[in-house]
Amino acid sequence: MGNLATPEYLIARWDELCRDPSLQDLPYKIELNAWGKVEMSPASNRHGRLQAALSAEFTRQLPGGVAISECSILTRIGIRAPDVVWASAAFMQAYGEITPYMRAPEICVEIISPSNVQAEIDEKLGAYLAAGAAEVWLVSEEGKIRFFGPSGEKSSSRFPVAISLPAPIPPKS
């Protein structure tokens, strides 16, 4: 099956991909798996709308930090890019805008697409928590949010937020 890539290799490979002009305007999210192979995922307009809504709500309700979309994080399963993260002012002071982050910001959000399989979702959830996230939020395309911490699923976030996401807009008949 091959050896896993070292963190140093993954960081160098990520830097190379970030500078590659042929990858600049892809309509896909790019991540690196644990072997250093590029994985691309197409995102729907609904997915993008939920990302934007979450970022806006984090910015409005948690002013002591910043929202970042598709933030790159070195994890045990490669360099992953949660759809949205929230990073406290303390996190930003400690890490600035290095790419990728060597640890996860406080909140990592994955918006679940129809193409995601449960094993992939579980793997990312565990990787973000192991990388230092205080919470991982899983968001369905319908806008339902599930919250997870190191001890498992929780009924609500420990952060002072009350997020209501927009309902899907059906196409006109």
Protein backbone atom coordinates (compact mmCIF):
# COMPACT_ATOMS: atom_id res chain seq x y z
CA MET A 1 0.00 0.00 0.00
CA GLY A 2 2.96 2.35 0.39
CA ASN A 3 4.28 4.53 3.14
CA LEU A 4 2.50 7.55 4.50
CA ALA A 5 4.08 10.87 3.56
CA THR A 6 5.99 12.73 6.26
CA PRO A 7 4.56 16.01 7.56
CA GLU A 8 7.52 17.80 5.96
CA TYR A 9 6.73 16.26 2.57
CA LEU A 10 3.03 17.16 2.87
CA ILE A 11 3.86 20.78 3.73
CA ALA A 12 6.31 21.07 0.81
CA ARG A 13 3.80 19.45 -1.56
CA TRP A 14 1.03 21.79 -0.35
CA ASP A 15 3.27 24.81 -0.94
CA GLU A 16 3.99 23.53 -4.45
CA LEU A 17 0.26 23.13 -5.17
CA CYS A 18 -0.54 26.60 -3.82
CA ARG A 19 1.99 28.11 -6.25
CA ASP A 20 0.92 26.04 -9.28
CA PRO A 21 -0.80 28.43 -11.73
CA SER A 22 -2.73 25.58 -13.37
CA LEU A 23 -4.58 24.97 -10.07
CA GLN A 24 -5.52 28.58 -9.32
CA ASP A 25 -9.09 28.75 -10.59
CA LEU A 26 -10.39 25.22 -10.28
CA PRO A 27 -14.04 24.86 -9.28
CA TYR A 28 -12.95 22.20 -6.77
CA LYS A 29 -11.64 22.07 -3.25
CA ILE A 30 -8.17 20.50 -3.16
CA GLU A 31 -6.82 18.44 -0.26
CA LEU A 32 -3.83 16.11 0.17
CA ASN A 33 -4.35 12.64 1.58
CA ALA A 34 -1.89 10.94 3.95
CA TRP A 35 0.18 9.69 0.99
CA GLY A 36 0.52 13.17 -0.54
CA LYS A 37 -1.95 12.52 -3.36
CA VAL A 38 -4.25 15.33 -4.46
CA GLU A 39 -7.96 14.84 -3.84
CA MET A 40 -10.49 17.17 -5.44
CA SER A 41 -14.14 17.60 -4.50
CA PRO A 42 -16.66 19.58 -6.54
CA ALA A 43 -18.94 21.83 -4.51
CA SER A 44 -22.54 22.76 -5.30
CA ASN A 45 -23.93 26.28 -5.14
CA ARG A 46 -25.89 25.20 -2.04
CA HIS A 47 -22.60 24.15 -0.44
CA GLY A 48 -21.10 27.56 -1.21
CA ARG A 49 -24.15 29.37 0.14
CA LEU A 50 -23.90 27.47 3.44
CA GLN A 51 -20.16 28.27 3.65
CA ALA A 52 -20.89 31.97 3.16
CA ALA A 53 -23.72 31.94 5.73
CA LEU A 54 -21.58 30.19 8.34
CA SER A 55 -18.66 32.58 7.79
CA ALA A 56 -20.98 35.58 8.14
CA GLU A 57 -22.53 34.20 11.34
CA PHE A 58 -19.13 33.44 12.89
CA THR A 59 -17.97 36.96 12.06
CA ARG A 60 -21.15 38.48 13.52
CA GLN A 61 -21.51 36.32 16.63
CA LEU A 62 -17.89 35.55 17.53
CA PRO A 63 -16.10 38.87 17.04
CA GLY A 64 -13.09 37.72 19.09
CA GLY A 65 -11.70 35.76 16.16
CA VAL A 66 -11.91 35.22 12.43
CA ALA A 67 -13.77 32.94 10.04
CA ILE A 68 -11.73 31.31 7.28
CA SER A 69 -13.14 29.26 4.42
CA GLU A 70 -11.22 26.25 3.13
CA CYS A 71 -8.48 26.68 5.71
CA SER A 72 -5.59 24.23 5.20
CA ILE A 73 -4.63 22.15 8.25
CA LEU A 74 -1.96 19.47 8.61
CA THR A 75 -3.73 16.43 10.10
CA ARG A 76 -2.93 12.76 10.61
CA ILE A 77 -4.78 12.03 7.35
CA GLY A 78 -3.01 14.65 5.26
CA ILE A 79 -3.64 18.31 4.62
CA ARG A 80 -7.34 18.88 4.89
CA ALA A 81 -9.39 22.00 4.27
CA PRO A 82 -12.58 22.23 6.33
CA ASP A 83 -15.27 24.24 4.57
CA VAL A 84 -15.22 26.90 7.31
CA VAL A 85 -13.22 27.37 10.50
CA TRP A 86 -13.37 29.86 13.32
CA ALA A 87 -10.05 30.82 14.87
CA SER A 88 -9.78 32.86 18.06
CA ALA A 89 -7.62 35.98 18.31
CA ALA A 90 -5.19 33.94 20.44
CA PHE A 91 -4.94 31.28 17.70
CA MET A 92 -4.34 33.95 15.06
CA GLN A 93 -1.66 35.63 17.21
CA ALA A 94 0.10 32.30 17.66
CA TYR A 95 -0.15 31.06 14.06
CA GLY A 96 -0.85 34.08 11.85
CA GLU A 97 -1.62 33.01 8.31
CA ILE A 98 0.91 30.20 7.86
CA THR A 99 -0.13 27.66 5.27
CA PRO A 100 -1.00 25.02 6.26
CA TYR A 101 -1.76 25.41 9.96
CA MET A 102 0.10 22.90 12.11
CA ARG A 103 -2.91 22.61 14.42
CA ALA A 104 -6.61 23.08 13.91
CA PRO A 105 -8.44 26.27 14.88
CA GLU A 106 -11.09 26.00 17.58
CA ILE A 107 -14.07 25.24 15.31
CA CYS A 108 -13.83 23.19 12.09
CA VAL A 109 -16.94 22.84 9.93
CA GLU A 110 -17.57 20.25 7.23
CA ILE A 111 -20.61 20.68 5.01
CA ILE A 112 -21.68 17.19 4.04
CA SER A 113 -22.16 16.67 0.31
CA PRO A 114 -24.12 13.81 -1.25
CA SER A 115 -20.80 12.37 -2.50
CA ASN A 116 -19.37 12.07 1.06
CA VAL A 117 -19.39 8.59 2.58
CA GLN A 118 -19.74 8.12 6.34
CA ALA A 119 -16.25 6.64 6.74
CA GLU A 120 -14.72 9.77 5.14
CA ILE A 121 -16.76 12.07 7.38
CA ASP A 122 -15.78 10.09 10.50
CA GLU A 123 -12.11 10.16 9.44
CA LYS A 124 -12.10 13.94 8.98
CA LEU A 125 -13.98 14.52 12.24
CA GLY A 126 -11.40 12.50 14.17
CA ALA A 127 -8.48 14.15 12.35
CA TYR A 128 -9.64 17.70 13.15
CA LEU A 129 -10.16 16.83 16.82
CA ALA A 130 -6.76 15.09 17.00
CA ALA A 131 -5.20 18.21 15.41
CA GLY A 132 -6.55 20.36 18.25
CA ALA A 133 -10.04 21.52 17.24
CA ALA A 134 -12.26 22.13 20.26
CA GLU A 135 -15.32 21.33 18.14
CA VAL A 136 -16.17 19.90 14.74
CA TRP A 137 -19.49 20.82 13.22
CA LEU A 138 -21.10 18.63 10.58
CA VAL A 139 -23.66 20.51 8.50
CA SER A 140 -26.19 18.82 6.21
CA GLU A 141 -27.18 20.44 2.94
CA GLU A 142 -30.58 21.05 4.56
CA GLY A 143 -28.81 23.23 7.16
CA LYS A 144 -28.97 20.90 10.18
CA ILE A 145 -25.88 21.21 12.39
CA ARG A 146 -24.39 18.43 14.54
CA PHE A 147 -21.70 19.33 17.10
CA PHE A 148 -18.79 17.09 18.15
CA GLY A 149 -16.09 17.49 20.77
CA PRO A 150 -13.33 15.18 21.97
CA SER A 151 -15.85 13.18 24.02
CA GLY A 152 -18.32 12.71 21.15
CA GLU A 153 -21.52 14.30 19.88
CA LYS A 154 -22.99 17.19 21.86
CA SER A 155 -26.44 18.76 21.85
CA SER A 156 -25.05 22.27 21.29
CA SER A 157 -21.85 24.22 20.80
CA ARG A 158 -19.82 25.40 23.78
CA PHE A 159 -19.28 28.65 21.87
CA PRO A 160 -21.84 31.48 22.29
CA VAL A 161 -23.55 31.11 18.91
CA ALA A 162 -27.12 30.56 17.76
CA ILE A 163 -26.86 29.78 14.09
CA SER A 164 -29.85 29.31 11.84
CA LEU A 165 -28.89 28.44 8.28
CA PRO A 166 -30.96 29.32 5.23
CA ALA A 167 -33.34 26.74 3.80
CA PRO A 168 -32.67 25.42 0.30
CA ILE A 169 -34.18 27.46 -2.53
CA PRO A 170 -35.99 25.14 -4.95
CA PRO A 171 -35.70 25.92 -8.67
CA LYS A 172 -38.62 27.66 -10.28
CA SER A 173 -40.88 25.20 -12.10
